[in-house]
Each structure stands twice: as structure tokens, then as C-alpha cells.
Amino acid sequence: MEVYQSLVAVEPLTLIATICNLFVQLYIIKRFLLDKILAVLDARRKAADQQIADAQKAREEAAAIKETYEQNMLQAKAQAESILENAQKTASQRSESIIDDAKAQAARIMDKASAQIAMEKKKAINDAKDEISDLAMTIAGKIVERELNPEDQQQMINRFIDKLGE
């Protein structure tokens, strides 16, 4: 039991030796290892700070890129609306132009047809006048050749009317 009591009991010499041992260890650690430990801790702190700064910078760049993207999208949307509006105006103007051209062409065709009809009518009238004058000359020639009695005169008039009908 004594062996165990010596382990649990506080002996002044062992206490002083343990304290001296602790100071020697602290001195050795401070003298040879503390600078290296602090350098490693400093390097890790700097690396962590750098990563945090990089992350913050990346976040700010992402926000700026997002803002630029949103502005570009708004501009693209406005430009697309403008292009669509211009296309609609152009199509409307083009359709109006085509309709106006078609109306003008129809009017020209109608005028040309009307003029052609009038010309054909005049030609038909002139042809009829020529035929009438030929018939009149023929009748006059026949009348001159012979003197007509009322029956012959009536027959000639009937033949003249029949020829006119043809």
C-alpha cells in the first residue's frame, strides 16, 4: 500500500522537480518551437483571410455580372420589342403599298377596258354607218336604174330593214 500512497501523496521535492521540468519544457518550446508554431498559425490565418477576401471579391464580381446580365436582358428585350414594332410597321406599310398598287393597277385596267369598249363601240358605229351608207348607195343606184312602183318600194324597204337587222 505504501507504494500507492506515495503516488497519491504530495512530496515537495517531486513538486519542485515537476515545476522545474515544466519551466524547462516551456523554455525549450518557446526557444525552438514557438516561432515556428506562430508562423504556421499566422500562415493559416492569412490563408483563411485570403480565402474570405477572395470569396467576398467573387461574390461582388458575381453580383456585378448578374447586374450587367439583367441590364443586358432588359436592353435585349427592349430591342426585340423595337424590332418587332418596326417589323409590324414595315409590314403594315408594305401591305398598304401593295393594296394601293393593286387599286391603281385595277383602275388602269378599268380605264383601259373602258377606253377599249368606247373604241370598239365607235368602230361598230362607224362600221354600221359604212354599211348603211353602202346600202343607201346601193338602194339609190337601184332606184336610179329603175323607177319604183309602190310595191317595189315597199319590198326594197323591207329588204333594207332585214339587212340592217343582220
C-alpha atoms as a PDB file:
ATOM      1  CA  MET A   1       0.000   0.000   0.000  1.00  0.00           C
ATOM      2  CA  GLU A   2       2.755   2.311   0.600  1.00  0.00           C
ATOM      3  CA  VAL A   3       3.602   2.214  -2.995  1.00  0.00           C
ATOM      4  CA  TYR A   4       0.216   3.530  -3.843  1.00  0.00           C
ATOM      5  CA  GLN A   5       0.296   6.161  -1.157  1.00  0.00           C
ATOM      6  CA  SER A   6       3.496   7.594  -2.500  1.00  0.00           C
ATOM      7  CA  LEU A   7       1.786   8.083  -5.841  1.00  0.00           C
ATOM      8  CA  VAL A   8      -1.080   9.965  -4.326  1.00  0.00           C
ATOM      9  CA  ALA A   9       0.817  11.913  -1.692  1.00  0.00           C
ATOM     10  CA  VAL A  10       2.303  15.321  -2.414  1.00  0.00           C
ATOM     11  CA  GLU A  11       6.014  15.358  -1.903  1.00  0.00           C
ATOM     12  CA  PRO A  12       7.712  18.726  -2.011  1.00  0.00           C
ATOM     13  CA  LEU A  13      10.777  17.533  -3.840  1.00  0.00           C
ATOM     14  CA  THR A  14       8.725  15.883  -6.598  1.00  0.00           C
ATOM     15  CA  LEU A  15       6.558  19.004  -6.830  1.00  0.00           C
ATOM     16  CA  ILE A  16       9.577  21.280  -7.271  1.00  0.00           C
ATOM     17  CA  ALA A  17      11.112  18.892  -9.831  1.00  0.00           C
ATOM     18  CA  THR A  18       7.835  18.785 -11.792  1.00  0.00           C
ATOM     19  CA  ILE A  19       7.558  22.586 -11.780  1.00  0.00           C
ATOM     20  CA  CYS A  20      11.169  22.930 -12.893  1.00  0.00           C
ATOM     21  CA  ASN A  21      10.568  20.336 -15.581  1.00  0.00           C
ATOM     22  CA  LEU A  22       7.506  22.332 -16.749  1.00  0.00           C
ATOM     23  CA  PHE A  23       9.533  25.568 -16.964  1.00  0.00           C
ATOM     24  CA  VAL A  24      12.322  23.836 -18.851  1.00  0.00           C
ATOM     25  CA  GLN A  25       9.789  22.422 -21.325  1.00  0.00           C
ATOM     26  CA  LEU A  26       8.150  25.844 -21.740  1.00  0.00           C
ATOM     27  CA  TYR A  27      11.545  27.444 -22.313  1.00  0.00           C
ATOM     28  CA  ILE A  28      12.536  24.819 -24.904  1.00  0.00           C
ATOM     29  CA  ILE A  29       9.184  25.108 -26.657  1.00  0.00           C
ATOM     30  CA  LYS A  30       9.368  28.904 -26.626  1.00  0.00           C
ATOM     31  CA  ARG A  31      13.001  28.969 -27.719  1.00  0.00           C
ATOM     32  CA  PHE A  32      12.815  26.427 -30.540  1.00  0.00           C
ATOM     33  CA  LEU A  33       9.172  25.802 -31.470  1.00  0.00           C
ATOM     34  CA  LEU A  34       7.077  28.868 -30.598  1.00  0.00           C
ATOM     35  CA  ASP A  35       8.221  30.929 -33.616  1.00  0.00           C
ATOM     36  CA  LYS A  36       7.507  28.042 -35.960  1.00  0.00           C
ATOM     37  CA  ILE A  37       4.109  27.404 -34.387  1.00  0.00           C
ATOM     38  CA  LEU A  38       3.236  31.091 -34.566  1.00  0.00           C
ATOM     39  CA  ALA A  39       4.427  31.215 -38.176  1.00  0.00           C
ATOM     40  CA  VAL A  40       2.217  28.233 -39.058  1.00  0.00           C
ATOM     41  CA  LEU A  41      -0.748  29.809 -37.248  1.00  0.00           C
ATOM     42  CA  ASP A  42      -0.072  33.151 -38.954  1.00  0.00           C
ATOM     43  CA  ALA A  43       0.133  31.459 -42.343  1.00  0.00           C
ATOM     44  CA  ARG A  44      -3.139  29.645 -41.718  1.00  0.00           C
ATOM     45  CA  ARG A  45      -4.791  32.895 -40.535  1.00  0.00           C
ATOM     46  CA  LYS A  46      -3.538  34.707 -43.637  1.00  0.00           C
ATOM     47  CA  ALA A  47      -4.704  31.878 -45.874  1.00  0.00           C
ATOM     48  CA  ALA A  48      -8.128  31.918 -44.227  1.00  0.00           C
ATOM     49  CA  ASP A  49      -8.322  35.718 -44.519  1.00  0.00           C
ATOM     50  CA  GLN A  50      -7.262  35.469 -48.183  1.00  0.00           C
ATOM     51  CA  GLN A  51      -9.917  32.856 -48.876  1.00  0.00           C
ATOM     52  CA  ILE A  52     -12.535  35.021 -47.189  1.00  0.00           C
ATOM     53  CA  ALA A  53     -11.402  38.066 -49.191  1.00  0.00           C
ATOM     54  CA  ASP A  54     -11.395  36.024 -52.415  1.00  0.00           C
ATOM     55  CA  ALA A  55     -14.861  34.725 -51.662  1.00  0.00           C
ATOM     56  CA  GLN A  56     -16.093  38.264 -50.959  1.00  0.00           C
ATOM     57  CA  LYS A  57     -14.484  39.510 -54.169  1.00  0.00           C
ATOM     58  CA  ALA A  58     -16.003  36.633 -56.137  1.00  0.00           C
ATOM     59  CA  ARG A  59     -19.412  37.408 -54.603  1.00  0.00           C
ATOM     60  CA  GLU A  60     -19.087  41.078 -55.586  1.00  0.00           C
ATOM     61  CA  GLU A  61     -17.983  40.132 -59.109  1.00  0.00           C
ATOM     62  CA  ALA A  62     -20.894  37.712 -59.377  1.00  0.00           C
ATOM     63  CA  ALA A  63     -23.287  40.452 -58.242  1.00  0.00           C
ATOM     64  CA  ALA A  64     -21.793  42.858 -60.810  1.00  0.00           C
ATOM     65  CA  ILE A  65     -22.034  40.217 -63.541  1.00  0.00           C
ATOM     66  CA  LYS A  66     -25.617  39.495 -62.524  1.00  0.00           C
ATOM     67  CA  GLU A  67     -26.470  43.207 -62.670  1.00  0.00           C
ATOM     68  CA  THR A  68     -24.834  43.515 -66.094  1.00  0.00           C
ATOM     69  CA  TYR A  69     -26.670  40.412 -67.279  1.00  0.00           C
ATOM     70  CA  GLU A  70     -30.013  41.775 -66.072  1.00  0.00           C
ATOM     71  CA  GLN A  71     -29.346  45.120 -67.772  1.00  0.00           C
ATOM     72  CA  ASN A  72     -28.365  43.332 -70.983  1.00  0.00           C
ATOM     73  CA  MET A  73     -31.524  41.242 -70.805  1.00  0.00           C
ATOM     74  CA  LEU A  74     -33.647  44.369 -70.337  1.00  0.00           C
ATOM     75  CA  GLN A  75     -31.886  46.041 -73.257  1.00  0.00           C
ATOM     76  CA  ALA A  76     -32.291  42.924 -75.404  1.00  0.00           C
ATOM     77  CA  LYS A  77     -35.975  42.750 -74.523  1.00  0.00           C
ATOM     78  CA  ALA A  78     -36.451  46.427 -75.379  1.00  0.00           C
ATOM     79  CA  GLN A  79     -34.504  45.959 -78.605  1.00  0.00           C
ATOM     80  CA  ALA A  80     -36.570  42.899 -79.523  1.00  0.00           C
ATOM     81  CA  GLU A  81     -39.776  44.839 -78.886  1.00  0.00           C
ATOM     82  CA  SER A  82     -38.454  47.690 -81.011  1.00  0.00           C
ATOM     83  CA  ILE A  83     -37.509  45.315 -83.833  1.00  0.00           C
ATOM     84  CA  LEU A  84     -40.933  43.663 -83.645  1.00  0.00           C
ATOM     85  CA  GLU A  85     -42.673  47.038 -83.672  1.00  0.00           C
ATOM     86  CA  ASN A  86     -40.593  48.171 -86.663  1.00  0.00           C
ATOM     87  CA  ALA A  87     -41.346  44.910 -88.471  1.00  0.00           C
ATOM     88  CA  GLN A  88     -45.061  45.378 -87.852  1.00  0.00           C
ATOM     89  CA  LYS A  89     -44.912  48.969 -89.112  1.00  0.00           C
ATOM     90  CA  THR A  90     -42.933  47.885 -92.176  1.00  0.00           C
ATOM     91  CA  ALA A  91     -45.368  45.054 -92.864  1.00  0.00           C
ATOM     92  CA  SER A  92     -48.309  47.428 -92.480  1.00  0.00           C
ATOM     93  CA  GLN A  93     -46.724  49.969 -94.811  1.00  0.00           C
ATOM     94  CA  ARG A  94     -45.839  47.215 -97.278  1.00  0.00           C
ATOM     95  CA  SER A  95     -49.376  45.838 -97.257  1.00  0.00           C
ATOM     96  CA  GLU A  96     -50.821  49.326 -97.735  1.00  0.00           C
ATOM     97  CA  SER A  97     -48.394  49.884-100.611  1.00  0.00           C
ATOM     98  CA  ILE A  98     -49.374  46.578-102.209  1.00  0.00           C
ATOM     99  CA  ILE A  99     -53.075  47.400-101.806  1.00  0.00           C
ATOM    100  CA  ASP A 100     -52.561  50.880-103.281  1.00  0.00           C
ATOM    101  CA  ASP A 101     -50.610  49.399-106.196  1.00  0.00           C
ATOM    102  CA  ALA A 102     -53.346  46.826-106.781  1.00  0.00           C
ATOM    103  CA  LYS A 103     -56.027  49.530-106.700  1.00  0.00           C
ATOM    104  CA  ALA A 104     -54.041  51.678-109.109  1.00  0.00           C
ATOM    105  CA  GLN A 105     -53.488  48.708-111.424  1.00  0.00           C
ATOM    106  CA  ALA A 106     -57.193  47.823-111.275  1.00  0.00           C
ATOM    107  CA  ALA A 107     -58.084  51.441-112.080  1.00  0.00           C
ATOM    108  CA  ARG A 108     -55.671  51.397-115.037  1.00  0.00           C
ATOM    109  CA  ILE A 109     -57.160  48.129-116.272  1.00  0.00           C
ATOM    110  CA  MET A 110     -60.683  49.543-115.870  1.00  0.00           C
ATOM    111  CA  ASP A 111     -59.712  52.736-117.713  1.00  0.00           C
ATOM    112  CA  LYS A 112     -58.040  50.734-120.463  1.00  0.00           C
ATOM    113  CA  ALA A 113     -61.052  48.403-120.750  1.00  0.00           C
ATOM    114  CA  SER A 114     -63.413  51.381-120.777  1.00  0.00           C
ATOM    115  CA  ALA A 115     -61.360  53.083-123.488  1.00  0.00           C
ATOM    116  CA  GLN A 116     -61.226  49.838-125.459  1.00  0.00           C
ATOM    117  CA  ILE A 117     -65.000  49.415-125.124  1.00  0.00           C
ATOM    118  CA  ALA A 118     -65.551  53.000-126.260  1.00  0.00           C
ATOM    119  CA  MET A 119     -63.213  52.450-129.204  1.00  0.00           C
ATOM    120  CA  GLU A 120     -64.971  49.204-130.142  1.00  0.00           C
ATOM    121  CA  LYS A 121     -68.327  50.983-129.847  1.00  0.00           C
ATOM    122  CA  LYS A 122     -67.131  53.799-132.127  1.00  0.00           C
ATOM    123  CA  LYS A 123     -65.741  51.246-134.556  1.00  0.00           C
ATOM    124  CA  ALA A 124     -69.035  49.328-134.559  1.00  0.00           C
ATOM    125  CA  ILE A 125     -70.951  52.583-135.124  1.00  0.00           C
ATOM    126  CA  ASN A 126     -68.600  53.581-137.941  1.00  0.00           C
ATOM    127  CA  ASP A 127     -68.935  50.101-139.484  1.00  0.00           C
ATOM    128  CA  ALA A 128     -72.713  50.342-139.195  1.00  0.00           C
ATOM    129  CA  LYS A 129     -72.609  53.813-140.800  1.00  0.00           C
ATOM    130  CA  ASP A 130     -70.441  52.451-143.592  1.00  0.00           C
ATOM    131  CA  GLU A 131     -72.849  49.576-144.167  1.00  0.00           C
ATOM    132  CA  ILE A 132     -75.826  51.910-144.037  1.00  0.00           C
ATOM    133  CA  SER A 133     -74.213  54.276-146.497  1.00  0.00           C
ATOM    134  CA  ASP A 134     -73.310  51.327-148.751  1.00  0.00           C
ATOM    135  CA  LEU A 135     -76.862  50.098-148.559  1.00  0.00           C
ATOM    136  CA  ALA A 136     -78.183  53.565-149.183  1.00  0.00           C
ATOM    137  CA  MET A 137     -75.901  53.910-152.188  1.00  0.00           C
ATOM    138  CA  THR A 138     -76.977  50.519-153.455  1.00  0.00           C
ATOM    139  CA  ILE A 139     -80.621  51.389-152.997  1.00  0.00           C
ATOM    140  CA  ALA A 140     -80.123  54.746-154.605  1.00  0.00           C
ATOM    141  CA  GLY A 141     -78.349  53.075-157.511  1.00  0.00           C
ATOM    142  CA  LYS A 142     -81.182  50.591-157.923  1.00  0.00           C
ATOM    143  CA  ILE A 143     -83.736  53.361-157.653  1.00  0.00           C
ATOM    144  CA  VAL A 144     -81.967  55.266-160.324  1.00  0.00           C
ATOM    145  CA  GLU A 145     -81.809  52.169-162.523  1.00  0.00           C
ATOM    146  CA  ARG A 146     -85.453  51.706-162.461  1.00  0.00           C
ATOM    147  CA  GLU A 147     -88.362  53.594-161.415  1.00  0.00           C
ATOM    148  CA  LEU A 148     -90.111  52.095-158.485  1.00  0.00           C
ATOM    149  CA  ASN A 149     -93.732  51.401-158.054  1.00  0.00           C
ATOM    150  CA  PRO A 150     -95.180  51.318-154.539  1.00  0.00           C
ATOM    151  CA  GLU A 151     -94.853  47.531-154.242  1.00  0.00           C
ATOM    152  CA  ASP A 152     -91.214  47.530-155.299  1.00  0.00           C
ATOM    153  CA  GLN A 153     -90.527  50.423-152.965  1.00  0.00           C
ATOM    154  CA  GLN A 154     -92.078  48.504-150.054  1.00  0.00           C
ATOM    155  CA  GLN A 155     -90.040  45.382-150.887  1.00  0.00           C
ATOM    156  CA  MET A 156     -86.826  47.392-151.018  1.00  0.00           C
ATOM    157  CA  ILE A 157     -87.564  48.988-147.650  1.00  0.00           C
ATOM    158  CA  ASN A 158     -88.265  45.548-146.150  1.00  0.00           C
ATOM    159  CA  ARG A 159     -85.009  44.125-147.579  1.00  0.00           C
ATOM    160  CA  PHE A 160     -83.135  47.168-146.280  1.00  0.00           C
ATOM    161  CA  ILE A 161     -84.582  46.641-142.789  1.00  0.00           C
ATOM    162  CA  ASP A 162     -83.746  42.934-142.947  1.00  0.00           C
ATOM    163  CA  LYS A 163     -80.157  43.676-143.899  1.00  0.00           C
ATOM    164  CA  LEU A 164     -79.909  46.185-141.071  1.00  0.00           C
ATOM    165  CA  GLY A 165     -81.106  43.564-138.640  1.00  0.00           C
ATOM    166  CA  GLU A 166     -78.389  41.211-139.767  1.00  0.00           C
END
